[in-house]
């Protein structure tokens, strides 16, 4: 499953993921709110200002089955968690 993340930036230096690609795994029996992966991006702008802040958001999930919005991401930490339990697969792999 592919999950697209938009990194919002407020200045001239774009954020860069520390690992690229980021690959995560979650078991099909994972419970709701189970945290399974954290992504991290850095920004060369001054971290003491809003220009250096990095926020995370999931833009899309491919495929949309078995349910859309299977996962959630913490806007500040980049931590993924299961939003919809009982995934009907042997396990999901996500590449960001």
PDB file of N, CA and C in Angstrom:
ATOM      1  N   UNK A   1       0.852  -1.160   0.000  1.00  0.00           N
ATOM      2  CA  UNK A   1       0.000   0.000   0.000  1.00  0.00           C
ATOM      3  C   UNK A   1       0.899   1.223   0.000  1.00  0.00           C
ATOM      4  N   UNK A   2       0.605   2.167  -0.835  1.00  0.00           N
ATOM      5  CA  UNK A   2       1.369   3.402  -0.886  1.00  0.00           C
ATOM      6  C   UNK A   2       0.599   4.491  -0.150  1.00  0.00           C
ATOM      7  N   UNK A   3       1.308   5.221   0.708  1.00  0.00           N
ATOM      8  CA  UNK A   3       0.723   6.343   1.441  1.00  0.00           C
ATOM      9  C   UNK A   3       1.515   7.585   1.068  1.00  0.00           C
ATOM     10  N   UNK A   4       0.829   8.610   0.588  1.00  0.00           N
ATOM     11  CA  UNK A   4       1.487   9.846   0.174  1.00  0.00           C
ATOM     12  C   UNK A   4       1.392  10.843   1.313  1.00  0.00           C
ATOM     13  N   UNK A   5       2.513  11.467   1.642  1.00  0.00           N
ATOM     14  CA  UNK A   5       2.563  12.448   2.720  1.00  0.00           C
ATOM     15  C   UNK A   5       2.980  13.781   2.139  1.00  0.00           C
ATOM     16  N   UNK A   6       2.289  14.835   2.532  1.00  0.00           N
ATOM     17  CA  UNK A   6       2.691  16.184   2.132  1.00  0.00           C
ATOM     18  C   UNK A   6       3.392  16.817   3.330  1.00  0.00           C
ATOM     19  N   UNK A   7       4.573  17.340   3.100  1.00  0.00           N
ATOM     20  CA  UNK A   7       5.300  18.059   4.132  1.00  0.00           C
ATOM     21  C   UNK A   7       5.096  19.539   3.862  1.00  0.00           C
ATOM     22  N   UNK A   8       4.490  20.229   4.818  1.00  0.00           N
ATOM     23  CA  UNK A   8       4.178  21.649   4.647  1.00  0.00           C
ATOM     24  C   UNK A   8       5.378  22.468   5.081  1.00  0.00           C
ATOM     25  N   UNK A   9       5.806  23.392   4.238  1.00  0.00           N
ATOM     26  CA  UNK A   9       6.963  24.227   4.526  1.00  0.00           C
ATOM     27  C   UNK A   9       6.571  25.677   4.364  1.00  0.00           C
ATOM     28  N   UNK A  10       7.225  26.536   5.159  1.00  0.00           N
ATOM     29  CA  UNK A  10       6.870  27.944   5.157  1.00  0.00           C
ATOM     30  C   UNK A  10       7.969  28.857   4.614  1.00  0.00           C
ATOM     31  N   UNK A  11       9.019  28.296   4.032  1.00  0.00           N
ATOM     32  CA  UNK A  11      10.093  29.171   3.590  1.00  0.00           C
ATOM     33  C   UNK A  11      10.836  28.588   2.398  1.00  0.00           C
ATOM     34  N   UNK A  12      12.073  29.042   2.191  1.00  0.00           N
ATOM     35  CA  UNK A  12      12.814  28.709   0.972  1.00  0.00           C
ATOM     36  C   UNK A  12      13.521  27.359   0.992  1.00  0.00           C
ATOM     37  N   UNK A  13      13.750  26.761   2.132  1.00  0.00           N
ATOM     38  CA  UNK A  13      14.398  25.443   2.189  1.00  0.00           C
ATOM     39  C   UNK A  13      13.337  24.374   2.355  1.00  0.00           C
ATOM     40  N   UNK A  14      13.269  23.468   1.399  1.00  0.00           N
ATOM     41  CA  UNK A  14      12.247  22.430   1.497  1.00  0.00           C
ATOM     42  C   UNK A  14      12.693  21.342   2.466  1.00  0.00           C
ATOM     43  N   UNK A  15      11.735  20.744   3.187  1.00  0.00           N
ATOM     44  CA  UNK A  15      12.068  19.640   4.096  1.00  0.00           C
ATOM     45  C   UNK A  15      12.561  18.426   3.320  1.00  0.00           C
ATOM     46  N   UNK A  16      13.403  17.642   3.967  1.00  0.00           N
ATOM     47  CA  UNK A  16      13.979  16.447   3.365  1.00  0.00           C
ATOM     48  C   UNK A  16      13.812  15.303   4.358  1.00  0.00           C
ATOM     49  N   UNK A  17      13.301  14.156   3.871  1.00  0.00           N
ATOM     50  CA  UNK A  17      13.183  12.989   4.732  1.00  0.00           C
ATOM     51  C   UNK A  17      14.570  12.450   5.046  1.00  0.00           C
ATOM     52  N   UNK A  18      14.782  12.048   6.295  1.00  0.00           N
ATOM     53  CA  UNK A  18      16.063  11.487   6.715  1.00  0.00           C
ATOM     54  C   UNK A  18      16.317  10.170   5.995  1.00  0.00           C
ATOM     55  N   UNK A  19      15.286   9.320   5.862  1.00  0.00           N
ATOM     56  CA  UNK A  19      15.380   8.088   5.096  1.00  0.00           C
ATOM     57  C   UNK A  19      14.501   8.246   3.868  1.00  0.00           C
ATOM     58  N   UNK A  20      14.982   7.794   2.730  1.00  0.00           N
ATOM     59  CA  UNK A  20      14.178   7.909   1.522  1.00  0.00           C
ATOM     60  C   UNK A  20      14.521   6.749   0.596  1.00  0.00           C
ATOM     61  N   UNK A  21      13.627   5.813   0.358  1.00  0.00           N
ATOM     62  CA  UNK A  21      12.247   5.791   0.841  1.00  0.00           C
ATOM     63  C   UNK A  21      12.170   5.305   2.280  1.00  0.00           C
ATOM     64  N   UNK A  22      11.036   5.548   2.906  1.00  0.00           N
ATOM     65  CA  UNK A  22      10.747   5.027   4.237  1.00  0.00           C
ATOM     66  C   UNK A  22       9.805   3.855   4.041  1.00  0.00           C
ATOM     67  N   UNK A  23      10.139   2.710   4.589  1.00  0.00           N
ATOM     68  CA  UNK A  23       9.301   1.530   4.431  1.00  0.00           C
ATOM     69  C   UNK A  23       8.875   1.064   5.814  1.00  0.00           C
ATOM     70  N   UNK A  24       7.571   0.891   5.982  1.00  0.00           N
ATOM     71  CA  UNK A  24       7.042   0.454   7.262  1.00  0.00           C
ATOM     72  C   UNK A  24       6.190  -0.784   7.101  1.00  0.00           C
ATOM     73  N   UNK A  25       6.019  -1.511   8.183  1.00  0.00           N
ATOM     74  CA  UNK A  25       5.223  -2.729   8.177  1.00  0.00           C
ATOM     75  C   UNK A  25       4.278  -2.704   9.374  1.00  0.00           C
ATOM     76  N   UNK A  26       3.075  -3.202   9.145  1.00  0.00           N
ATOM     77  CA  UNK A  26       2.106  -3.347  10.231  1.00  0.00           C
ATOM     78  C   UNK A  26       1.340  -4.643   9.993  1.00  0.00           C
ATOM     79  N   UNK A  27       1.151  -5.424  11.048  1.00  0.00           N
ATOM     80  CA  UNK A  27       0.465  -6.706  10.945  1.00  0.00           C
ATOM     81  C   UNK A  27      -1.038  -6.502  10.813  1.00  0.00           C
ATOM     82  N   UNK A  28      -1.703  -7.396  10.088  1.00  0.00           N
ATOM     83  CA  UNK A  28      -3.132  -7.265   9.852  1.00  0.00           C
ATOM     84  C   UNK A  28      -3.963  -7.294  11.132  1.00  0.00           C
ATOM     85  N   UNK A  29      -3.435  -7.865  12.199  1.00  0.00           N
ATOM     86  CA  UNK A  29      -4.178  -7.946  13.463  1.00  0.00           C
ATOM     87  C   UNK A  29      -3.891  -6.760  14.384  1.00  0.00           C
ATOM     88  N   UNK A  30      -3.202  -5.748  13.893  1.00  0.00           N
ATOM     89  CA  UNK A  30      -2.863  -4.591  14.727  1.00  0.00           C
ATOM     90  C   UNK A  30      -4.137  -3.912  15.230  1.00  0.00           C
ATOM     91  N   UNK A  31      -4.117  -3.538  16.486  1.00  0.00           N
ATOM     92  CA  UNK A  31      -5.255  -2.882  17.130  1.00  0.00           C
ATOM     93  C   UNK A  31      -5.342  -1.411  16.710  1.00  0.00           C
ATOM     94  N   UNK A  32      -6.527  -0.832  16.875  1.00  0.00           N
ATOM     95  CA  UNK A  32      -6.725   0.605  16.640  1.00  0.00           C
ATOM     96  C   UNK A  32      -5.767   1.377  17.545  1.00  0.00           C
ATOM     97  N   UNK A  33      -5.178   2.436  17.014  1.00  0.00           N
ATOM     98  CA  UNK A  33      -4.230   3.318  17.698  1.00  0.00           C
ATOM     99  C   UNK A  33      -2.837   2.713  17.881  1.00  0.00           C
ATOM    100  N   UNK A  34      -2.589   1.526  17.317  1.00  0.00           N
ATOM    101  CA  UNK A  34      -1.259   0.932  17.378  1.00  0.00           C
ATOM    102  C   UNK A  34      -0.297   1.793  16.560  1.00  0.00           C
ATOM    103  N   UNK A  35       0.791   2.247  17.179  1.00  0.00           N
ATOM    104  CA  UNK A  35       1.801   3.050  16.488  1.00  0.00           C
ATOM    105  C   UNK A  35       2.844   2.110  15.910  1.00  0.00           C
ATOM    106  N   UNK A  36       3.107   2.261  14.604  1.00  0.00           N
ATOM    107  CA  UNK A  36       3.989   1.291  13.954  1.00  0.00           C
ATOM    108  C   UNK A  36       5.151   1.898  13.188  1.00  0.00           C
ATOM    109  N   UNK A  37       5.194   3.195  13.022  1.00  0.00           N
ATOM    110  CA  UNK A  37       6.266   3.777  12.226  1.00  0.00           C
ATOM    111  C   UNK A  37       6.309   5.284  12.463  1.00  0.00           C
ATOM    112  N   UNK A  38       7.500   5.848  12.413  1.00  0.00           N
ATOM    113  CA  UNK A  38       7.656   7.298  12.484  1.00  0.00           C
ATOM    114  C   UNK A  38       8.536   7.739  11.331  1.00  0.00           C
ATOM    115  N   UNK A  39       8.089   8.773  10.628  1.00  0.00           N
ATOM    116  CA  UNK A  39       8.899   9.380   9.573  1.00  0.00           C
ATOM    117  C   UNK A  39       9.462  10.688  10.117  1.00  0.00           C
ATOM    118  N   UNK A  40      10.636  11.055   9.630  1.00  0.00           N
ATOM    119  CA  UNK A  40      11.270  12.285  10.091  1.00  0.00           C
ATOM    120  C   UNK A  40      11.814  13.055   8.900  1.00  0.00           C
ATOM    121  N   UNK A  41      11.448  14.333   8.841  1.00  0.00           N
ATOM    122  CA  UNK A  41      11.990  15.230   7.818  1.00  0.00           C
ATOM    123  C   UNK A  41      12.693  16.371   8.535  1.00  0.00           C
ATOM    124  N   UNK A  42      13.720  16.896   7.913  1.00  0.00           N
ATOM    125  CA  UNK A  42      14.435  18.033   8.480  1.00  0.00           C
ATOM    126  C   UNK A  42      14.278  19.229   7.554  1.00  0.00           C
ATOM    127  N   UNK A  43      14.427  20.409   8.125  1.00  0.00           N
ATOM    128  CA  UNK A  43      14.308  21.650   7.366  1.00  0.00           C
ATOM    129  C   UNK A  43      15.511  22.512   7.715  1.00  0.00           C
ATOM    130  N   UNK A  44      16.199  23.023   6.720  1.00  0.00           N
ATOM    131  CA  UNK A  44      17.403  23.820   6.937  1.00  0.00           C
ATOM    132  C   UNK A  44      17.121  25.227   7.455  1.00  0.00           C
ATOM    133  N   UNK A  45      15.833  25.630   7.484  1.00  0.00           N
ATOM    134  CA  UNK A  45      15.500  26.950   8.020  1.00  0.00           C
ATOM    135  C   UNK A  45      15.695  26.953   9.541  1.00  0.00           C
ATOM    136  N   UNK A  46      15.741  28.132  10.121  1.00  0.00           N
ATOM    137  CA  UNK A  46      15.964  28.315  11.554  1.00  0.00           C
ATOM    138  C   UNK A  46      14.889  27.573  12.362  1.00  0.00           C
ATOM    139  N   UNK A  47      15.283  26.583  13.192  1.00  0.00           N
ATOM    140  CA  UNK A  47      14.302  25.810  13.953  1.00  0.00           C
ATOM    141  C   UNK A  47      13.607  26.631  15.047  1.00  0.00           C
ATOM    142  N   UNK A  48      14.120  27.801  15.354  1.00  0.00           N
ATOM    143  CA  UNK A  48      13.515  28.658  16.372  1.00  0.00           C
ATOM    144  C   UNK A  48      12.377  29.508  15.808  1.00  0.00           C
ATOM    145  N   UNK A  49      12.142  29.410  14.513  1.00  0.00           N
ATOM    146  CA  UNK A  49      11.072  30.185  13.882  1.00  0.00           C
ATOM    147  C   UNK A  49      10.086  29.242  13.203  1.00  0.00           C
ATOM    148  N   UNK A  50       8.964  29.773  12.784  1.00  0.00           N
ATOM    149  CA  UNK A  50       7.977  28.989  12.060  1.00  0.00           C
ATOM    150  C   UNK A  50       8.504  28.469  10.740  1.00  0.00           C
ATOM    151  N   UNK A  51       9.527  29.114  10.202  1.00  0.00           N
ATOM    152  CA  UNK A  51      10.099  28.690   8.919  1.00  0.00           C
ATOM    153  C   UNK A  51      10.762  27.322   8.998  1.00  0.00           C
ATOM    154  N   UNK A  52      11.205  26.937  10.190  1.00  0.00           N
ATOM    155  CA  UNK A  52      11.885  25.660  10.352  1.00  0.00           C
ATOM    156  C   UNK A  52      10.977  24.549  10.841  1.00  0.00           C
ATOM    157  N   UNK A  53       9.702  24.847  11.026  1.00  0.00           N
ATOM    158  CA  UNK A  53       8.763  23.831  11.511  1.00  0.00           C
ATOM    159  C   UNK A  53       8.378  22.866  10.391  1.00  0.00           C
ATOM    160  N   UNK A  54       8.283  21.587  10.737  1.00  0.00           N
ATOM    161  CA  UNK A  54       7.854  20.563   9.786  1.00  0.00           C
ATOM    162  C   UNK A  54       6.574  19.932  10.330  1.00  0.00           C
ATOM    163  N   UNK A  55       5.529  19.881   9.502  1.00  0.00           N
ATOM    164  CA  UNK A  55       4.268  19.228   9.846  1.00  0.00           C
ATOM    165  C   UNK A  55       3.990  18.140   8.828  1.00  0.00           C
ATOM    166  N   UNK A  56       3.306  17.077   9.268  1.00  0.00           N
ATOM    167  CA  UNK A  56       3.037  15.922   8.423  1.00  0.00           C
ATOM    168  C   UNK A  56       1.541  15.733   8.215  1.00  0.00           C
ATOM    169  N   UNK A  57       1.175  15.231   7.034  1.00  0.00           N
ATOM    170  CA  UNK A  57      -0.221  14.951   6.721  1.00  0.00           C
ATOM    171  C   UNK A  57      -0.269  13.870   5.644  1.00  0.00           C
ATOM    172  N   UNK A  58      -1.147  12.887   5.817  1.00  0.00           N
ATOM    173  CA  UNK A  58      -1.354  11.870   4.783  1.00  0.00           C
ATOM    174  C   UNK A  58      -2.274  12.473   3.729  1.00  0.00           C
ATOM    175  N   UNK A  59      -1.849  12.440   2.483  1.00  0.00           N
ATOM    176  CA  UNK A  59      -2.636  12.988   1.382  1.00  0.00           C
ATOM    177  C   UNK A  59      -3.505  11.916   0.739  1.00  0.00           C
ATOM    178  N   UNK A  60      -2.961  10.718   0.574  1.00  0.00           N
ATOM    179  CA  UNK A  60      -3.746   9.656  -0.050  1.00  0.00           C
ATOM    180  C   UNK A  60      -3.241   8.294   0.383  1.00  0.00           C
ATOM    181  N   UNK A  61      -4.072   7.305   0.159  1.00  0.00           N
ATOM    182  CA  UNK A  61      -3.752   5.916   0.452  1.00  0.00           C
ATOM    183  C   UNK A  61      -4.064   5.098  -0.792  1.00  0.00           C
ATOM    184  N   UNK A  62      -3.106   4.331  -1.254  1.00  0.00           N
ATOM    185  CA  UNK A  62      -3.312   3.470  -2.419  1.00  0.00           C
ATOM    186  C   UNK A  62      -2.923   2.052  -2.061  1.00  0.00           C
ATOM    187  N   UNK A  63      -3.773   1.073  -2.211  1.00  0.00           N
ATOM    188  CA  UNK A  63      -5.142   1.184  -2.694  1.00  0.00           C
ATOM    189  C   UNK A  63      -6.078   1.712  -1.614  1.00  0.00           C
ATOM    190  N   UNK A  64      -7.255   2.122  -1.997  1.00  0.00           N
ATOM    191  CA  UNK A  64      -8.263   2.637  -1.074  1.00  0.00           C
ATOM    192  C   UNK A  64      -8.966   1.506  -0.313  1.00  0.00           C
ATOM    193  N   UNK A  65      -8.646   0.262  -0.643  1.00  0.00           N
ATOM    194  CA  UNK A  65      -9.293  -0.895  -0.024  1.00  0.00           C
ATOM    195  C   UNK A  65      -8.384  -1.525   1.017  1.00  0.00           C
ATOM    196  N   UNK A  66      -8.847  -2.156   2.053  1.00  0.00           N
ATOM    197  CA  UNK A  66     -10.248  -2.485   2.246  1.00  0.00           C
ATOM    198  C   UNK A  66     -11.084  -1.304   2.756  1.00  0.00           C
ATOM    199  N   UNK A  67     -10.447  -0.288   3.307  1.00  0.00           N
ATOM    200  CA  UNK A  67     -11.152   0.921   3.738  1.00  0.00           C
ATOM    201  C   UNK A  67     -10.246   2.114   3.460  1.00  0.00           C
ATOM    202  N   UNK A  68     -10.803   3.246   3.071  1.00  0.00           N
ATOM    203  CA  UNK A  68      -9.970   4.442   2.935  1.00  0.00           C
ATOM    204  C   UNK A  68      -9.578   4.942   4.334  1.00  0.00           C
ATOM    205  N   UNK A  69      -8.505   5.658   4.421  1.00  0.00           N
ATOM    206  CA  UNK A  69      -8.048   6.237   5.699  1.00  0.00           C
ATOM    207  C   UNK A  69      -7.762   5.173   6.755  1.00  0.00           C
ATOM    208  N   UNK A  70      -6.978   4.163   6.376  1.00  0.00           N
ATOM    209  CA  UNK A  70      -6.622   3.083   7.292  1.00  0.00           C
ATOM    210  C   UNK A  70      -5.650   3.559   8.380  1.00  0.00           C
ATOM    211  N   UNK A  71      -4.926   4.640   8.083  1.00  0.00           N
ATOM    212  CA  UNK A  71      -3.883   5.095   8.985  1.00  0.00           C
ATOM    213  C   UNK A  71      -4.017   6.579   9.283  1.00  0.00           C
ATOM    214  N   UNK A  72      -3.398   6.990  10.367  1.00  0.00           N
ATOM    215  CA  UNK A  72      -3.373   8.386  10.782  1.00  0.00           C
ATOM    216  C   UNK A  72      -1.914   8.729  11.057  1.00  0.00           C
ATOM    217  N   UNK A  73      -1.560  10.010  10.914  1.00  0.00           N
ATOM    218  CA  UNK A  73      -0.194  10.442  11.220  1.00  0.00           C
ATOM    219  C   UNK A  73      -0.255  11.637  12.153  1.00  0.00           C
ATOM    220  N   UNK A  74       0.614  11.638  13.152  1.00  0.00           N
ATOM    221  CA  UNK A  74       0.700  12.767  14.071  1.00  0.00           C
ATOM    222  C   UNK A  74       1.323  13.934  13.320  1.00  0.00           C
ATOM    223  N   UNK A  75       0.627  15.053  13.287  1.00  0.00           N
ATOM    224  CA  UNK A  75       1.056  16.212  12.495  1.00  0.00           C
ATOM    225  C   UNK A  75       2.434  16.740  12.906  1.00  0.00           C
ATOM    226  N   UNK A  76       2.796  16.576  14.167  1.00  0.00           N
ATOM    227  CA  UNK A  76       4.079  17.108  14.649  1.00  0.00           C
ATOM    228  C   UNK A  76       5.201  16.073  14.707  1.00  0.00           C
ATOM    229  N   UNK A  77       4.874  14.848  15.153  1.00  0.00           N
ATOM    230  CA  UNK A  77       5.933  13.847  15.351  1.00  0.00           C
ATOM    231  C   UNK A  77       6.175  12.970  14.132  1.00  0.00           C
ATOM    232  N   UNK A  78       5.196  12.865  13.213  1.00  0.00           N
ATOM    233  CA  UNK A  78       5.343  11.991  12.054  1.00  0.00           C
ATOM    234  C   UNK A  78       5.089  10.530  12.378  1.00  0.00           C
ATOM    235  N   UNK A  79       4.485  10.251  13.540  1.00  0.00           N
ATOM    236  CA  UNK A  79       4.215   8.869  13.943  1.00  0.00           C
ATOM    237  C   UNK A  79       2.904   8.378  13.330  1.00  0.00           C
ATOM    238  N   UNK A  80       2.984   7.210  12.675  1.00  0.00           N
ATOM    239  CA  UNK A  80       1.812   6.578  12.087  1.00  0.00           C
ATOM    240  C   UNK A  80       1.135   5.689  13.122  1.00  0.00           C
ATOM    241  N   UNK A  81      -0.200   5.637  13.063  1.00  0.00           N
ATOM    242  CA  UNK A  81      -0.941   4.699  13.889  1.00  0.00           C
ATOM    243  C   UNK A  81      -2.094   4.124  13.073  1.00  0.00           C
ATOM    244  N   UNK A  82      -2.556   2.962  13.501  1.00  0.00           N
ATOM    245  CA  UNK A  82      -3.678   2.294  12.849  1.00  0.00           C
ATOM    246  C   UNK A  82      -4.955   3.034  13.220  1.00  0.00           C
ATOM    247  N   UNK A  83      -5.713   3.400  12.224  1.00  0.00           N
ATOM    248  CA  UNK A  83      -6.990   4.083  12.438  1.00  0.00           C
ATOM    249  C   UNK A  83      -8.153   3.102  12.292  1.00  0.00           C
ATOM    250  N   UNK A  84      -8.023   2.158  11.361  1.00  0.00           N
ATOM    251  CA  UNK A  84      -9.056   1.156  11.093  1.00  0.00           C
ATOM    252  C   UNK A  84      -8.469  -0.230  11.330  1.00  0.00           C
ATOM    253  N   UNK A  85      -8.844  -0.884  12.448  1.00  0.00           N
ATOM    254  CA  UNK A  85      -8.300  -2.222  12.716  1.00  0.00           C
ATOM    255  C   UNK A  85      -8.920  -3.284  11.810  1.00  0.00           C
ATOM    256  N   UNK A  86      -8.490  -4.504  11.997  1.00  0.00           N
ATOM    257  CA  UNK A  86      -8.986  -5.667  11.252  1.00  0.00           C
ATOM    258  C   UNK A  86      -8.696  -5.556   9.764  1.00  0.00           C
ATOM    259  N   UNK A  87      -7.450  -5.321   9.443  1.00  0.00           N
ATOM    260  CA  UNK A  87      -7.050  -5.264   8.046  1.00  0.00           C
ATOM    261  C   UNK A  87      -7.078  -6.670   7.467  1.00  0.00           C
ATOM    262  N   UNK A  88      -7.691  -6.839   6.341  1.00  0.00           N
ATOM    263  CA  UNK A  88      -7.854  -8.151   5.727  1.00  0.00           C
ATOM    264  C   UNK A  88      -6.716  -8.415   4.751  1.00  0.00           C
ATOM    265  N   UNK A  89      -5.512  -8.432   5.248  1.00  0.00           N
ATOM    266  CA  UNK A  89      -4.321  -8.709   4.445  1.00  0.00           C
ATOM    267  C   UNK A  89      -3.340  -9.456   5.334  1.00  0.00           C
ATOM    268  N   UNK A  90      -2.263  -9.973   4.765  1.00  0.00           N
ATOM    269  CA  UNK A  90      -1.238 -10.637   5.545  1.00  0.00           C
ATOM    270  C   UNK A  90      -0.320  -9.624   6.210  1.00  0.00           C
ATOM    271  N   UNK A  91      -0.465  -8.386   5.886  1.00  0.00           N
ATOM    272  CA  UNK A  91       0.356  -7.310   6.444  1.00  0.00           C
ATOM    273  C   UNK A  91       0.489  -6.231   5.403  1.00  0.00           C
ATOM    274  N   UNK A  92       0.590  -5.011   5.822  1.00  0.00           N
ATOM    275  CA  UNK A  92       0.712  -3.883   4.908  1.00  0.00           C
ATOM    276  C   UNK A  92       2.159  -3.436   4.883  1.00  0.00           C
ATOM    277  N   UNK A  93       2.618  -3.052   3.749  1.00  0.00           N
ATOM    278  CA  UNK A  93       3.921  -2.415   3.623  1.00  0.00           C
ATOM    279  C   UNK A  93       3.669  -1.059   3.002  1.00  0.00           C
ATOM    280  N   UNK A  94       4.292  -0.058   3.550  1.00  0.00           N
ATOM    281  CA  UNK A  94       4.106   1.292   3.030  1.00  0.00           C
ATOM    282  C   UNK A  94       5.439   1.893   2.660  1.00  0.00           C
ATOM    283  N   UNK A  95       5.509   2.523   1.519  1.00  0.00           N
ATOM    284  CA  UNK A  95       6.718   3.207   1.089  1.00  0.00           C
ATOM    285  C   UNK A  95       6.384   4.680   0.914  1.00  0.00           C
ATOM    286  N   UNK A  96       7.211   5.514   1.500  1.00  0.00           N
ATOM    287  CA  UNK A  96       6.956   6.953   1.469  1.00  0.00           C
ATOM    288  C   UNK A  96       8.098   7.634   0.752  1.00  0.00           C
TER     289      UNK A  96
END
